[in-house]
Amino acid sequence: MAMAKITVYSFSGSQWAGVVHLTLAEKGFTKELDYHVQDVDIGAADNFDPAYLEINPNGTIPSLTSTSLPAPLSESTDILRYLDSLRENNPLVPKAAKSKTKGQQIIDLVHSSAVDTNIIFFDARDVEELDNKKSNWQKRFIDTRQHRLEQEHATHPAHPFYNRKLKENGILYTAYQNTDGAADAAFFSRSNHCYIEFAAGLDQLESLLELPYAVGNQITEADFHVIPWLSHAMVAAGSNRSEIHNFSALESTIQKSVDGFKVGPRTREWWANVARTSSFKTVFPSLR
C-alpha cells in the first residue's frame, strides 16, 4: 500500500500546532519523508484566506490533509488521534477507561474558554496594561486581523465565516481603539474576571494531574495538549523563553487579580517530568 501523503498546516506562533508537532516527534515521523509542513502566517491573518477556509472552516491552526482521509482534519485532538493510529509505537490514547476519561477531562479543560491564553496575551486590567499592549505587537496583530477580515468580507460578502469573525475580533479591536474611559472600565473589569477564571483553571489542572504524567505512568494525548497550552501561557505572561522551568512571570501576572497565586507543586512536578522527554526537547527547546 502506498504511503499516505500528509500535509500539516502550521505556524511557529500557533499554540495548538504544538500538539501535532509533539505527536509527530513522539511517533517518529520524519519531516519531508513522512509529512510536509505548510506554513500559514497567523501574523498576516493568512488563516482567514478563503482558500485556507476550504481546509479549515474555523480559520484555526493546525490542520492536516492526507491522501488516506476523505476530508481535512481541523482539530488538534483529531489530528493527534489520526497520527497515533498510523503507528503502533508509543500509543498516546489510553486504553483503560479511567485513564481515557481523566485524560479527556484535562484536554477539555485546557481547550476551554476559561483558560484561553489569549486572555493573558490581549486582555488588560488597567490603563497601564492596555497602553503597554497598544504600543506592542498586540495592537498590530489585532489591527491586521480586523483589516484582513474587512477586506475578505467585502470580497466574499456571502461567506458565513467573515461576518461572525468580524464581530468576534471587533470586541478586542474596539477596546484597543477606544478612548472612552467608561468603556475601558468595562473592558478592565471583564479582563480581571477572566484572569480569576484562568487561575481557577490552573488550580483545577493541579487537582486533575495523576503524575508522573497527566494520567499516570505513560505519556498520553493529555500531556501533549497541556504542554503547548502552558508554554503559551508562560510566553503570554512575558517569561524568558529560555527559562523553561521559571513560572514567576506567569504567577506575578495572575497575582494582580488573584493575590498569592502560585503554580501548584503537582503541576511543577508534571512539567519537570514532561520536559525530560525527547519529544518535548525536540519541539520545545524554548517556550513558544
Protein backbone atom coordinates (compact mmCIF):
# COMPACT_ATOMS: atom_id res chain seq x y z
CA MET A 1 0.00 0.00 0.00
CA ALA A 2 1.33 3.45 -0.94
CA MET A 3 2.26 5.70 1.97
CA ALA A 4 -0.29 8.44 2.65
CA LYS A 5 0.80 11.94 1.67
CA ILE A 6 0.36 14.08 4.77
CA THR A 7 0.42 17.87 4.92
CA VAL A 8 0.40 19.67 8.26
CA TYR A 9 -0.77 23.28 8.22
CA SER A 10 1.13 25.02 10.96
CA PHE A 11 2.74 28.23 12.22
CA SER A 12 5.58 28.73 14.68
CA GLY A 13 3.46 31.00 16.87
CA SER A 14 0.47 28.66 16.98
CA GLN A 15 -0.31 27.16 20.36
CA TRP A 16 -2.22 24.10 19.24
CA ALA A 17 0.17 23.27 16.42
CA GLY A 18 2.42 22.17 19.27
CA VAL A 19 0.10 19.21 19.87
CA VAL A 20 0.73 17.97 16.35
CA HIS A 21 4.49 18.50 16.39
CA LEU A 22 4.85 16.72 19.73
CA THR A 23 2.89 13.80 18.28
CA LEU A 24 5.00 13.68 15.13
CA ALA A 25 8.16 13.65 17.25
CA GLU A 26 6.87 11.03 19.70
CA LYS A 27 5.70 8.69 16.95
CA GLY A 28 8.92 9.03 14.96
CA PHE A 29 7.60 10.73 11.83
CA THR A 30 10.29 12.36 9.68
CA LYS A 31 9.67 15.75 8.11
CA GLU A 32 9.56 15.72 4.29
CA LEU A 33 9.84 11.92 4.23
CA ASP A 34 6.60 11.22 6.12
CA TYR A 35 4.91 14.61 6.07
CA HIS A 36 5.16 18.13 4.69
CA VAL A 37 4.59 21.33 6.67
CA GLN A 38 2.71 24.20 5.05
CA ASP A 39 3.16 27.44 6.98
CA VAL A 40 0.07 29.61 7.42
CA ASP A 41 1.14 33.03 8.73
CA ILE A 42 -1.26 33.96 11.52
CA GLY A 43 0.51 37.30 11.93
CA ALA A 44 -0.55 38.23 8.40
CA ALA A 45 -4.03 36.74 9.01
CA ASP A 46 -3.44 34.23 6.21
CA ASN A 47 -5.61 31.79 8.15
CA PHE A 48 -8.54 33.95 7.00
CA ASP A 49 -7.77 33.38 3.33
CA PRO A 50 -10.77 31.75 1.59
CA ALA A 51 -8.50 29.00 0.25
CA TYR A 52 -7.45 28.07 3.77
CA LEU A 53 -11.04 28.18 4.99
CA GLU A 54 -11.77 25.43 2.47
CA ILE A 55 -9.38 23.28 4.51
CA ASN A 56 -10.33 24.58 7.95
CA PRO A 57 -13.72 26.34 8.13
CA ASN A 58 -12.81 27.77 11.56
CA GLY A 59 -9.70 29.51 10.26
CA THR A 60 -7.61 27.96 13.03
CA ILE A 61 -4.22 26.29 13.18
CA PRO A 62 -3.39 23.40 12.92
CA SER A 63 -4.99 21.44 10.11
CA LEU A 64 -4.00 18.23 8.38
CA THR A 65 -4.73 16.74 5.00
CA SER A 66 -3.89 13.20 3.97
CA THR A 67 -4.49 11.10 0.90
CA SER A 68 -5.84 8.44 3.27
CA LEU A 69 -8.56 10.74 4.65
CA PRO A 70 -11.85 11.71 2.99
CA ALA A 71 -11.66 15.26 4.39
CA PRO A 72 -9.17 17.53 6.17
CA LEU A 73 -8.82 17.41 9.95
CA SER A 74 -9.13 20.78 11.66
CA GLU A 75 -8.96 19.97 15.38
CA SER A 76 -5.71 19.18 17.18
CA THR A 77 -7.40 16.34 19.09
CA ASP A 78 -8.47 14.62 15.87
CA ILE A 79 -5.08 15.16 14.25
CA LEU A 80 -3.23 13.61 17.19
CA ARG A 81 -5.50 10.57 17.20
CA TYR A 82 -5.16 10.11 13.44
CA LEU A 83 -1.35 10.25 13.61
CA ASP A 84 -1.38 7.95 16.64
CA SER A 85 -3.42 5.40 14.69
CA LEU A 86 -0.85 5.24 11.90
CA ARG A 87 1.91 3.76 14.05
CA GLU A 88 1.73 1.30 16.93
CA ASN A 89 4.77 2.59 18.81
CA ASN A 90 4.32 4.88 21.82
CA PRO A 91 0.50 4.81 21.87
CA LEU A 92 -0.95 8.12 23.03
CA VAL A 93 -4.63 7.34 23.50
CA PRO A 94 -5.16 5.39 26.76
CA LYS A 95 -6.94 2.07 26.52
CA ALA A 96 -8.06 1.99 30.16
CA ALA A 97 -11.44 3.70 30.53
CA LYS A 98 -10.46 5.53 33.72
CA SER A 99 -7.30 6.99 32.18
CA LYS A 100 -9.11 7.89 28.98
CA THR A 101 -11.85 9.70 30.91
CA LYS A 102 -9.36 11.58 33.10
CA GLY A 103 -7.31 12.49 30.03
CA GLN A 104 -10.38 13.86 28.27
CA GLN A 105 -11.20 15.98 31.33
CA ILE A 106 -7.73 17.52 31.14
CA ILE A 107 -7.95 18.07 27.38
CA ASP A 108 -11.37 19.71 27.72
CA LEU A 109 -10.05 21.94 30.49
CA VAL A 110 -7.08 23.36 28.59
CA HIS A 111 -9.23 23.90 25.50
CA SER A 112 -11.94 25.72 27.46
CA SER A 113 -12.58 29.45 27.11
CA ALA A 114 -11.88 29.92 30.83
CA VAL A 115 -8.17 29.24 30.28
CA ASP A 116 -7.77 30.68 26.80
CA THR A 117 -4.20 32.03 26.67
CA ASN A 118 -5.46 34.99 24.64
CA ILE A 119 -6.70 36.32 27.98
CA ILE A 120 -3.09 36.86 29.01
CA PHE A 121 -1.94 37.97 25.56
CA PHE A 122 -4.65 40.55 24.87
CA ASP A 123 -6.86 41.37 27.86
CA ALA A 124 -5.96 44.33 30.08
CA ARG A 125 -6.99 45.15 33.62
CA ASP A 126 -5.98 48.80 33.76
CA VAL A 127 -4.74 51.70 31.64
CA GLU A 128 -1.08 50.78 32.09
CA GLU A 129 -1.60 47.22 30.84
CA LEU A 130 -3.71 48.38 27.92
CA ASP A 131 -1.28 51.12 26.89
CA ASN A 132 1.60 48.65 27.05
CA LYS A 133 -0.21 46.23 24.77
CA LYS A 134 -1.30 49.03 22.44
CA SER A 135 2.33 50.04 21.98
CA ASN A 136 3.48 46.46 21.45
CA TRP A 137 2.78 43.78 18.85
CA GLN A 138 -0.72 43.03 20.18
CA LYS A 139 -2.36 46.06 18.61
CA ARG A 140 -0.69 45.43 15.26
CA PHE A 141 -1.87 41.82 15.38
CA ILE A 142 -5.47 42.78 16.16
CA ASP A 143 -5.48 45.55 13.55
CA THR A 144 -4.10 43.22 10.87
CA ARG A 145 -6.78 40.64 11.60
CA GLN A 146 -9.56 43.23 11.52
CA HIS A 147 -8.41 44.76 8.25
CA ARG A 148 -7.98 41.35 6.61
CA LEU A 149 -11.44 40.30 7.76
CA GLU A 150 -12.95 43.52 6.41
CA GLN A 151 -11.17 43.02 3.10
CA GLU A 152 -12.25 39.39 2.72
CA HIS A 153 -15.81 40.17 3.83
CA ALA A 154 -16.07 42.89 1.19
CA THR A 155 -14.85 40.45 -1.46
CA HIS A 156 -16.89 37.48 -0.22
CA PRO A 157 -19.97 39.02 1.47
CA ALA A 158 -21.94 35.76 1.43
CA HIS A 159 -19.24 33.74 3.17
CA PRO A 160 -20.58 32.84 6.65
CA PHE A 161 -17.19 32.97 8.36
CA TYR A 162 -16.33 36.63 7.92
CA ASN A 163 -19.37 38.29 9.47
CA ARG A 164 -19.11 36.12 12.59
CA LYS A 165 -15.35 36.59 12.91
CA LEU A 166 -15.57 40.34 12.38
CA LYS A 167 -17.87 40.61 15.39
CA GLU A 168 -15.62 38.38 17.49
CA ASN A 169 -12.38 40.19 16.64
CA GLY A 170 -14.20 43.51 16.78
CA ILE A 171 -14.56 43.27 20.56
CA LEU A 172 -10.80 43.47 21.06
CA TYR A 173 -10.34 45.82 18.11
CA THR A 174 -12.78 48.30 19.66
CA ALA A 175 -11.16 48.01 23.09
CA TYR A 176 -7.74 48.75 21.60
CA GLN A 177 -9.11 51.70 19.58
CA ASN A 178 -11.26 53.08 22.35
CA THR A 179 -10.55 56.37 24.13
CA ASP A 180 -13.72 56.32 26.24
CA GLY A 181 -12.83 55.77 29.88
CA ALA A 182 -16.21 54.25 30.74
CA ALA A 183 -15.85 51.64 28.00
CA ASP A 184 -12.29 50.95 29.19
CA ALA A 185 -13.61 50.35 32.71
CA ALA A 186 -15.97 47.66 31.46
CA PHE A 187 -13.14 46.02 29.50
CA PHE A 188 -10.85 46.15 32.53
CA SER A 189 -13.50 44.58 34.77
CA ARG A 190 -14.19 41.78 32.31
CA SER A 191 -10.47 41.15 31.88
CA ASN A 192 -9.93 40.91 35.62
CA HIS A 193 -12.74 38.36 35.88
CA CYS A 194 -11.13 36.35 33.07
CA TYR A 195 -7.82 36.26 34.94
CA ILE A 196 -9.61 34.98 38.04
CA GLU A 197 -11.15 32.19 35.97
CA PHE A 198 -7.76 31.41 34.43
CA ALA A 199 -6.26 30.99 37.89
CA ALA A 200 -9.13 28.68 38.85
CA GLY A 201 -8.40 26.62 35.74
CA LEU A 202 -4.77 26.19 36.75
CA ASP A 203 -5.94 25.09 40.20
CA GLN A 204 -8.28 22.59 38.57
CA LEU A 205 -5.43 21.22 36.47
CA GLU A 206 -3.41 20.82 39.66
CA SER A 207 -6.14 18.60 41.09
CA LEU A 208 -6.52 16.51 37.92
CA LEU A 209 -2.89 15.57 37.24
CA GLU A 210 -2.11 11.98 38.28
CA LEU A 211 1.73 12.03 38.00
CA PRO A 212 4.32 11.33 36.90
CA TYR A 213 2.48 12.25 33.69
CA ALA A 214 -1.00 13.65 33.18
CA VAL A 215 -2.90 10.39 33.71
CA GLY A 216 -0.23 8.16 35.21
CA ASN A 217 2.96 6.36 34.24
CA GLN A 218 2.82 6.89 30.48
CA ILE A 219 2.88 9.95 28.24
CA THR A 220 -0.54 10.30 26.62
CA GLU A 221 -2.52 12.71 24.50
CA ALA A 222 -3.44 14.74 27.58
CA ASP A 223 0.21 15.66 28.16
CA PHE A 224 0.55 16.80 24.57
CA HIS A 225 -2.37 19.21 24.95
CA VAL A 226 -1.26 20.69 28.26
CA ILE A 227 2.37 21.24 27.22
CA PRO A 228 1.75 23.80 24.43
CA TRP A 229 -1.04 25.47 26.39
CA LEU A 230 1.08 26.04 29.49
CA SER A 231 4.11 27.06 27.44
CA HIS A 232 1.98 29.59 25.55
CA ALA A 233 0.58 30.98 28.81
CA MET A 234 4.12 31.46 30.12
CA VAL A 235 5.13 33.30 26.94
CA ALA A 236 2.00 35.46 27.13
CA ALA A 237 2.95 36.49 30.66
CA GLY A 238 6.36 37.65 29.48
CA SER A 239 8.51 34.71 30.57
CA ASN A 240 12.06 34.46 29.27
CA ARG A 241 11.63 31.82 26.56
CA SER A 242 14.87 30.09 27.53
CA GLU A 243 13.80 29.69 31.18
CA ILE A 244 11.51 26.74 30.65
CA HIS A 245 11.02 25.98 34.35
CA ASN A 246 10.51 29.54 35.59
CA PHE A 247 6.85 30.19 36.39
CA SER A 248 7.47 33.51 38.16
CA ALA A 249 6.25 35.75 35.32
CA LEU A 250 3.02 33.76 34.96
CA GLU A 251 2.47 33.80 38.70
CA SER A 252 3.08 37.54 39.09
CA THR A 253 0.79 38.31 36.15
CA ILE A 254 -2.06 36.32 37.69
CA GLN A 255 -1.36 37.63 41.20
CA LYS A 256 -2.53 41.05 40.05
CA SER A 257 -6.03 39.53 40.04
CA VAL A 258 -5.62 36.64 42.48
CA ASP A 259 -3.47 37.58 45.45
CA GLY A 260 -0.90 34.95 46.38
CA PHE A 261 -1.50 32.75 43.33
CA LYS A 262 1.12 30.06 42.75
CA VAL A 263 1.51 27.31 40.18
CA GLY A 264 0.93 24.16 42.23
CA PRO A 265 3.55 21.55 43.18
CA ARG A 266 1.90 18.78 41.15
CA THR A 267 1.89 20.96 38.04
CA ARG A 268 5.55 21.82 38.60
CA GLU A 269 6.47 18.16 39.07
CA TRP A 270 4.50 17.16 35.98
CA TRP A 271 6.19 19.91 33.94
CA ALA A 272 9.65 18.78 35.06
CA ASN A 273 8.79 15.20 34.06
CA VAL A 274 7.50 16.01 30.57
CA ALA A 275 10.37 18.42 29.96
CA ARG A 276 12.78 15.49 30.22
CA THR A 277 11.15 13.61 27.34
CA SER A 278 12.77 13.58 23.91
CA SER A 279 9.64 14.85 22.15
CA PHE A 280 9.46 17.87 24.46
CA LYS A 281 13.14 18.64 23.91
CA THR A 282 12.67 18.37 20.14
CA VAL A 283 9.62 20.63 19.89
CA PHE A 284 10.16 22.91 22.87
CA PRO A 285 13.88 23.75 23.11
CA SER A 286 12.44 27.03 24.36
CA LEU A 287 8.99 28.28 25.32
CA ARG A 288 6.72 29.13 22.40
